[in-house]
C-alpha atoms as a PDB file:
ATOM      1  CA  UNK A   1      19.518  78.214 -17.066  1.00  0.00           C
ATOM      2  CA  UNK A   2      18.166  77.781 -13.546  1.00  0.00           C
ATOM      3  CA  UNK A   3      14.666  78.473 -14.834  1.00  0.00           C
ATOM      4  CA  UNK A   4      15.078  75.785 -17.497  1.00  0.00           C
ATOM      5  CA  UNK A   5      16.343  73.266 -14.942  1.00  0.00           C
ATOM      6  CA  UNK A   6      13.442  74.087 -12.643  1.00  0.00           C
ATOM      7  CA  UNK A   7      10.956  73.657 -15.478  1.00  0.00           C
ATOM      8  CA  UNK A   8      12.472  70.315 -16.470  1.00  0.00           C
ATOM      9  CA  UNK A   9      12.404  69.088 -12.866  1.00  0.00           C
ATOM     10  CA  UNK A  10       8.783  70.144 -12.506  1.00  0.00           C
ATOM     11  CA  UNK A  11       7.852  68.367 -15.740  1.00  0.00           C
ATOM     12  CA  UNK A  12       9.666  65.210 -14.658  1.00  0.00           C
ATOM     13  CA  UNK A  13       7.923  65.217 -11.289  1.00  0.00           C
ATOM     14  CA  UNK A  14       4.570  65.673 -12.979  1.00  0.00           C
ATOM     15  CA  UNK A  15       5.309  62.790 -15.333  1.00  0.00           C
ATOM     16  CA  UNK A  16       6.241  60.546 -12.425  1.00  0.00           C
ATOM     17  CA  UNK A  17       3.038  61.515 -10.660  1.00  0.00           C
ATOM     18  CA  UNK A  18       0.954  60.659 -13.702  1.00  0.00           C
ATOM     19  CA  UNK A  19       2.769  57.346 -14.066  1.00  0.00           C
ATOM     20  CA  UNK A  20       2.036  56.499 -10.455  1.00  0.00           C
ATOM     21  CA  UNK A  21      -1.637  57.310 -10.964  1.00  0.00           C
ATOM     22  CA  UNK A  22      -1.721  55.174 -14.079  1.00  0.00           C
ATOM     23  CA  UNK A  23      -0.140  52.141 -12.432  1.00  0.00           C
ATOM     24  CA  UNK A  24      -2.137  52.260  -9.193  1.00  0.00           C
ATOM     25  CA  UNK A  25      -5.416  51.048 -10.744  1.00  0.00           C
ATOM     26  CA  UNK A  26      -3.556  48.336 -12.643  1.00  0.00           C
ATOM     27  CA  UNK A  27      -1.976  47.069  -9.434  1.00  0.00           C
ATOM     28  CA  UNK A  28      -5.337  47.120  -7.660  1.00  0.00           C
ATOM     29  CA  UNK A  29      -6.984  45.269 -10.538  1.00  0.00           C
ATOM     30  CA  UNK A  30      -4.447  42.456 -10.199  1.00  0.00           C
ATOM     31  CA  UNK A  31      -6.211  41.276  -7.023  1.00  0.00           C
ATOM     32  CA  UNK A  32      -9.117  38.892  -7.756  1.00  0.00           C
ATOM     33  CA  UNK A  33     -12.521  40.453  -7.123  1.00  0.00           C
ATOM     34  CA  UNK A  34     -15.095  38.966  -4.736  1.00  0.00           C
ATOM     35  CA  UNK A  35     -18.830  38.406  -4.752  1.00  0.00           C
ATOM     36  CA  UNK A  36     -21.007  41.186  -3.384  1.00  0.00           C
ATOM     37  CA  UNK A  37     -23.705  40.361  -0.844  1.00  0.00           C
ATOM     38  CA  UNK A  38     -26.395  40.920  -3.483  1.00  0.00           C
ATOM     39  CA  UNK A  39     -24.826  38.236  -5.685  1.00  0.00           C
ATOM     40  CA  UNK A  40     -25.464  35.410  -3.227  1.00  0.00           C
ATOM     41  CA  UNK A  41     -28.581  33.261  -3.862  1.00  0.00           C
ATOM     42  CA  UNK A  42     -31.811  35.067  -2.892  1.00  0.00           C
ATOM     43  CA  UNK A  43     -32.768  34.757   0.774  1.00  0.00           C
ATOM     44  CA  UNK A  44     -35.802  35.712   2.857  1.00  0.00           C
ATOM     45  CA  UNK A  45     -33.650  38.292   4.668  1.00  0.00           C
ATOM     46  CA  UNK A  46     -30.885  40.464   3.166  1.00  0.00           C
ATOM     47  CA  UNK A  47     -27.325  39.215   2.880  1.00  0.00           C
ATOM     48  CA  UNK A  48     -24.479  41.035   4.615  1.00  0.00           C
ATOM     49  CA  UNK A  49     -20.859  40.678   3.497  1.00  0.00           C
ATOM     50  CA  UNK A  50     -17.745  41.241   5.576  1.00  0.00           C
ATOM     51  CA  UNK A  51     -14.692  43.015   4.282  1.00  0.00           C
ATOM     52  CA  UNK A  52     -12.179  40.876   2.392  1.00  0.00           C
ATOM     53  CA  UNK A  53      -9.688  39.314   4.814  1.00  0.00           C
ATOM     54  CA  UNK A  54      -6.204  37.951   4.159  1.00  0.00           C
ATOM     55  CA  UNK A  55      -5.574  34.223   4.687  1.00  0.00           C
ATOM     56  CA  UNK A  56      -8.210  31.554   5.301  1.00  0.00           C
ATOM     57  CA  UNK A  57     -11.087  31.417   7.814  1.00  0.00           C
ATOM     58  CA  UNK A  58     -10.563  29.772  11.207  1.00  0.00           C
ATOM     59  CA  UNK A  59     -10.629  25.988  11.667  1.00  0.00           C
ATOM     60  CA  UNK A  60      -8.968  25.167   8.380  1.00  0.00           C
ATOM     61  CA  UNK A  61     -10.916  27.525   6.222  1.00  0.00           C
ATOM     62  CA  UNK A  62     -13.411  25.375   4.336  1.00  0.00           C
ATOM     63  CA  UNK A  63     -16.082  22.897   5.400  1.00  0.00           C
ATOM     64  CA  UNK A  64     -15.386  19.533   3.733  1.00  0.00           C
ATOM     65  CA  UNK A  65     -11.936  20.738   2.689  1.00  0.00           C
ATOM     66  CA  UNK A  66     -10.180  21.830   5.900  1.00  0.00           C
ATOM     67  CA  UNK A  67      -6.555  22.889   5.480  1.00  0.00           C
ATOM     68  CA  UNK A  68      -6.665  22.105   1.742  1.00  0.00           C
ATOM     69  CA  UNK A  69      -6.452  25.752   0.651  1.00  0.00           C
ATOM     70  CA  UNK A  70      -3.080  27.357   1.460  1.00  0.00           C
ATOM     71  CA  UNK A  71      -3.132  30.562   3.487  1.00  0.00           C
ATOM     72  CA  UNK A  72      -0.471  32.186   1.326  1.00  0.00           C
ATOM     73  CA  UNK A  73      -1.836  34.384  -1.482  1.00  0.00           C
ATOM     74  CA  UNK A  74      -5.357  33.674  -0.209  1.00  0.00           C
ATOM     75  CA  UNK A  75      -8.197  35.996   0.802  1.00  0.00           C
ATOM     76  CA  UNK A  76     -11.783  35.393   1.881  1.00  0.00           C
ATOM     77  CA  UNK A  77     -15.137  37.048   2.513  1.00  0.00           C
ATOM     78  CA  UNK A  78     -17.948  35.747   4.731  1.00  0.00           C
ATOM     79  CA  UNK A  79     -21.676  36.234   4.182  1.00  0.00           C
ATOM     80  CA  UNK A  80     -24.569  36.099   6.664  1.00  0.00           C
ATOM     81  CA  UNK A  81     -28.295  36.803   6.795  1.00  0.00           C
ATOM     82  CA  UNK A  82     -30.555  37.700   9.716  1.00  0.00           C
ATOM     83  CA  UNK A  83     -31.526  34.022   9.957  1.00  0.00           C
ATOM     84  CA  UNK A  84     -29.305  30.935   9.783  1.00  0.00           C
ATOM     85  CA  UNK A  85     -28.292  31.153   6.108  1.00  0.00           C
ATOM     86  CA  UNK A  86     -24.581  31.831   5.661  1.00  0.00           C
ATOM     87  CA  UNK A  87     -21.742  31.479   3.199  1.00  0.00           C
ATOM     88  CA  UNK A  88     -18.117  32.134   2.377  1.00  0.00           C
ATOM     89  CA  UNK A  89     -15.904  32.731  -0.637  1.00  0.00           C
ATOM     90  CA  UNK A  90     -12.219  31.810  -0.462  1.00  0.00           C
ATOM     91  CA  UNK A  91      -9.930  32.760  -3.340  1.00  0.00           C
ATOM     92  CA  UNK A  92      -6.281  31.845  -3.787  1.00  0.00           C
ATOM     93  CA  UNK A  93      -3.700  32.548  -6.479  1.00  0.00           C
ATOM     94  CA  UNK A  94      -1.453  29.552  -7.097  1.00  0.00           C
ATOM     95  CA  UNK A  95       2.209  29.816  -8.066  1.00  0.00           C
ATOM     96  CA  UNK A  96       1.590  28.148 -11.434  1.00  0.00           C
ATOM     97  CA  UNK A  97      -1.426  27.107 -13.470  1.00  0.00           C
ATOM     98  CA  UNK A  98      -0.461  23.466 -12.883  1.00  0.00           C
ATOM     99  CA  UNK A  99      -0.633  24.084  -9.123  1.00  0.00           C
ATOM    100  CA  UNK A 100      -4.080  25.641  -9.569  1.00  0.00           C
ATOM    101  CA  UNK A 101      -5.302  22.588 -11.506  1.00  0.00           C
ATOM    102  CA  UNK A 102      -3.970  20.327  -8.754  1.00  0.00           C
ATOM    103  CA  UNK A 103      -5.727  22.359  -6.050  1.00  0.00           C
ATOM    104  CA  UNK A 104      -9.043  22.180  -7.922  1.00  0.00           C
ATOM    105  CA  UNK A 105      -8.684  18.396  -8.172  1.00  0.00           C
ATOM    106  CA  UNK A 106      -7.897  18.171  -4.448  1.00  0.00           C
ATOM    107  CA  UNK A 107     -10.920  20.272  -3.494  1.00  0.00           C
ATOM    108  CA  UNK A 108     -13.247  18.339  -5.797  1.00  0.00           C
ATOM    109  CA  UNK A 109     -12.103  15.042  -4.286  1.00  0.00           C
ATOM    110  CA  UNK A 110     -12.660  16.388  -0.763  1.00  0.00           C
ATOM    111  CA  UNK A 111     -16.153  17.663  -1.585  1.00  0.00           C
ATOM    112  CA  UNK A 112     -17.189  14.437  -3.310  1.00  0.00           C
ATOM    113  CA  UNK A 113     -16.090  12.317  -0.351  1.00  0.00           C
ATOM    114  CA  UNK A 114     -17.212  14.631   2.434  1.00  0.00           C
ATOM    115  CA  UNK A 115     -20.424  12.784   3.391  1.00  0.00           C
ATOM    116  CA  UNK A 116     -18.873   9.354   4.029  1.00  0.00           C
ATOM    117  CA  UNK A 117     -15.961  10.945   5.892  1.00  0.00           C
ATOM    118  CA  UNK A 118     -18.286  12.902   8.200  1.00  0.00           C
ATOM    119  CA  UNK A 119     -20.308   9.750   8.931  1.00  0.00           C
ATOM    120  CA  UNK A 120     -17.091   7.957   9.840  1.00  0.00           C
ATOM    121  CA  UNK A 121     -15.990  10.783  12.125  1.00  0.00           C
ATOM    122  CA  UNK A 122     -19.439  11.308  13.697  1.00  0.00           C
ATOM    123  CA  UNK A 123     -21.253   8.024  14.477  1.00  0.00           C
ATOM    124  CA  UNK A 124     -25.017   8.437  14.136  1.00  0.00           C
ATOM    125  CA  UNK A 125     -24.786  11.292  11.640  1.00  0.00           C
ATOM    126  CA  UNK A 126     -26.361  10.805   8.218  1.00  0.00           C
ATOM    127  CA  UNK A 127     -24.415  12.695   5.551  1.00  0.00           C
ATOM    128  CA  UNK A 128     -24.798  12.518   1.784  1.00  0.00           C
ATOM    129  CA  UNK A 129     -22.544  14.271  -0.723  1.00  0.00           C
ATOM    130  CA  UNK A 130     -23.619  14.727  -4.338  1.00  0.00           C
ATOM    131  CA  UNK A 131     -22.138  16.196  -7.498  1.00  0.00           C
ATOM    132  CA  UNK A 132     -24.263  18.612  -9.528  1.00  0.00           C
ATOM    133  CA  UNK A 133     -22.076  18.889 -12.585  1.00  0.00           C
ATOM    134  CA  UNK A 134     -19.666  21.238 -14.280  1.00  0.00           C
ATOM    135  CA  UNK A 135     -20.388  24.835 -15.275  1.00  0.00           C
ATOM    136  CA  UNK A 136     -19.032  26.357 -18.482  1.00  0.00           C
ATOM    137  CA  UNK A 137     -17.215  29.407 -17.140  1.00  0.00           C
ATOM    138  CA  UNK A 138     -13.520  30.253 -17.721  1.00  0.00           C
ATOM    139  CA  UNK A 139     -11.524  27.040 -17.028  1.00  0.00           C
ATOM    140  CA  UNK A 140     -14.579  25.443 -15.428  1.00  0.00           C
ATOM    141  CA  UNK A 141     -16.454  25.286 -12.129  1.00  0.00           C
ATOM    142  CA  UNK A 142     -17.968  22.298 -10.322  1.00  0.00           C
ATOM    143  CA  UNK A 143     -20.942  22.233  -7.943  1.00  0.00           C
ATOM    144  CA  UNK A 144     -21.510  19.860  -5.008  1.00  0.00           C
ATOM    145  CA  UNK A 145     -23.918  19.491  -2.102  1.00  0.00           C
ATOM    146  CA  UNK A 146     -23.738  18.065   1.412  1.00  0.00           C
ATOM    147  CA  UNK A 147     -26.995  17.003   3.094  1.00  0.00           C
ATOM    148  CA  UNK A 148     -26.643  16.125   6.792  1.00  0.00           C
ATOM    149  CA  UNK A 149     -29.106  14.940   9.427  1.00  0.00           C
ATOM    150  CA  UNK A 150     -28.534  14.136  13.087  1.00  0.00           C
ATOM    151  CA  UNK A 151     -31.436  11.965  14.334  1.00  0.00           C
ATOM    152  CA  UNK A 152     -30.300  12.292  17.948  1.00  0.00           C
ATOM    153  CA  UNK A 153     -30.981  16.019  18.048  1.00  0.00           C
ATOM    154  CA  UNK A 154     -33.433  16.183  15.155  1.00  0.00           C
ATOM    155  CA  UNK A 155     -31.509  18.663  13.032  1.00  0.00           C
ATOM    156  CA  UNK A 156     -30.738  18.748   9.328  1.00  0.00           C
ATOM    157  CA  UNK A 157     -28.480  21.047   7.327  1.00  0.00           C
ATOM    158  CA  UNK A 158     -27.795  21.555   3.654  1.00  0.00           C
ATOM    159  CA  UNK A 159     -24.666  23.051   2.114  1.00  0.00           C
ATOM    160  CA  UNK A 160     -23.858  23.879  -1.485  1.00  0.00           C
ATOM    161  CA  UNK A 161     -20.255  24.178  -2.664  1.00  0.00           C
ATOM    162  CA  UNK A 162     -18.476  25.159  -5.832  1.00  0.00           C
ATOM    163  CA  UNK A 163     -14.882  25.234  -7.008  1.00  0.00           C
ATOM    164  CA  UNK A 164     -13.897  27.276 -10.050  1.00  0.00           C
ATOM    165  CA  UNK A 165     -10.706  28.333 -11.786  1.00  0.00           C
ATOM    166  CA  UNK A 166      -9.509  31.175 -13.994  1.00  0.00           C
ATOM    167  CA  UNK A 167      -5.860  30.626 -14.903  1.00  0.00           C
ATOM    168  CA  UNK A 168      -3.815  30.455 -11.676  1.00  0.00           C
ATOM    169  CA  UNK A 169      -6.723  31.690  -9.553  1.00  0.00           C
ATOM    170  CA  UNK A 170      -9.019  29.242  -7.740  1.00  0.00           C
ATOM    171  CA  UNK A 171     -12.181  30.216  -5.872  1.00  0.00           C
ATOM    172  CA  UNK A 172     -14.232  28.165  -3.412  1.00  0.00           C
ATOM    173  CA  UNK A 173     -17.811  29.192  -2.590  1.00  0.00           C
ATOM    174  CA  UNK A 174     -20.044  27.714   0.118  1.00  0.00           C
ATOM    175  CA  UNK A 175     -23.709  28.375   0.929  1.00  0.00           C
ATOM    176  CA  UNK A 176     -25.495  26.750   3.890  1.00  0.00           C
ATOM    177  CA  UNK A 177     -28.637  26.738   6.011  1.00  0.00           C
ATOM    178  CA  UNK A 178     -30.891  24.435   8.019  1.00  0.00           C
ATOM    179  CA  UNK A 179     -33.015  22.137   5.858  1.00  0.00           C
ATOM    180  CA  UNK A 180     -32.681  19.579   3.087  1.00  0.00           C
ATOM    181  CA  UNK A 181     -31.496  19.542  -0.507  1.00  0.00           C
ATOM    182  CA  UNK A 182     -34.984  20.312  -1.809  1.00  0.00           C
ATOM    183  CA  UNK A 183     -34.815  23.556   0.207  1.00  0.00           C
ATOM    184  CA  UNK A 184     -31.557  24.649  -1.429  1.00  0.00           C
ATOM    185  CA  UNK A 185     -31.462  27.254  -4.239  1.00  0.00           C
ATOM    186  CA  UNK A 186     -29.364  25.091  -6.546  1.00  0.00           C
ATOM    187  CA  UNK A 187     -30.129  27.018  -9.738  1.00  0.00           C
ATOM    188  CA  UNK A 188     -29.393  30.370  -8.093  1.00  0.00           C
ATOM    189  CA  UNK A 189     -26.189  28.969  -6.604  1.00  0.00           C
ATOM    190  CA  UNK A 190     -25.011  27.984 -10.073  1.00  0.00           C
ATOM    191  CA  UNK A 191     -25.533  31.596 -11.120  1.00  0.00           C
ATOM    192  CA  UNK A 192     -23.607  32.790  -8.056  1.00  0.00           C
ATOM    193  CA  UNK A 193     -20.752  30.449  -8.941  1.00  0.00           C
ATOM    194  CA  UNK A 194     -20.543  31.707 -12.524  1.00  0.00           C
ATOM    195  CA  UNK A 195     -20.513  35.274 -11.238  1.00  0.00           C
ATOM    196  CA  UNK A 196     -17.754  34.460  -8.740  1.00  0.00           C
ATOM    197  CA  UNK A 197     -15.496  32.941 -11.396  1.00  0.00           C
ATOM    198  CA  UNK A 198     -16.185  35.677 -13.954  1.00  0.00           C
ATOM    199  CA  UNK A 199     -15.294  38.354 -11.374  1.00  0.00           C
ATOM    200  CA  UNK A 200     -11.875  36.880 -10.573  1.00  0.00           C
ATOM    201  CA  UNK A 201     -10.080  38.754 -13.384  1.00  0.00           C
END
């Protein structure tokens, strides 16, 4: 009888172990995936990606949309090159799909109005925001640009942004470098955005 009990206990323990192994990948897969460095738009020097951090980046998290993305249920990854080109991806999982839709609308409004707001906050700065349309991926993604120039110091910068959604998950991607809109890899950034949204789940 003791041998039977021992055998049953061993079998039960083995079954529990297998169940744990089976559920671990499923739990890991529940977290939205992030872009890899190689999936950013091509650059003259290689991209490097940080690990994925919890929360939002410092100073409100997102250029043109500071403090719009909640820190809860949010993670981010930053990207850099050997030169001045840089980027970030911020991904958050909303409580409901309706909340995710609302967040996308908030971010789109902030990106569309970023140029005029920056000019108001920084006298002398020339800043132009532009919309570059919607991408057909999952529940949709939208692309924007911000072109800034400071005549006083003779500098100009260009940033590309996108906001996409898959169910309750929203992702925000930014790419930036010195230069003007004609220097920006808009087509490649659209591809990066589609990849980012497709990788979420």
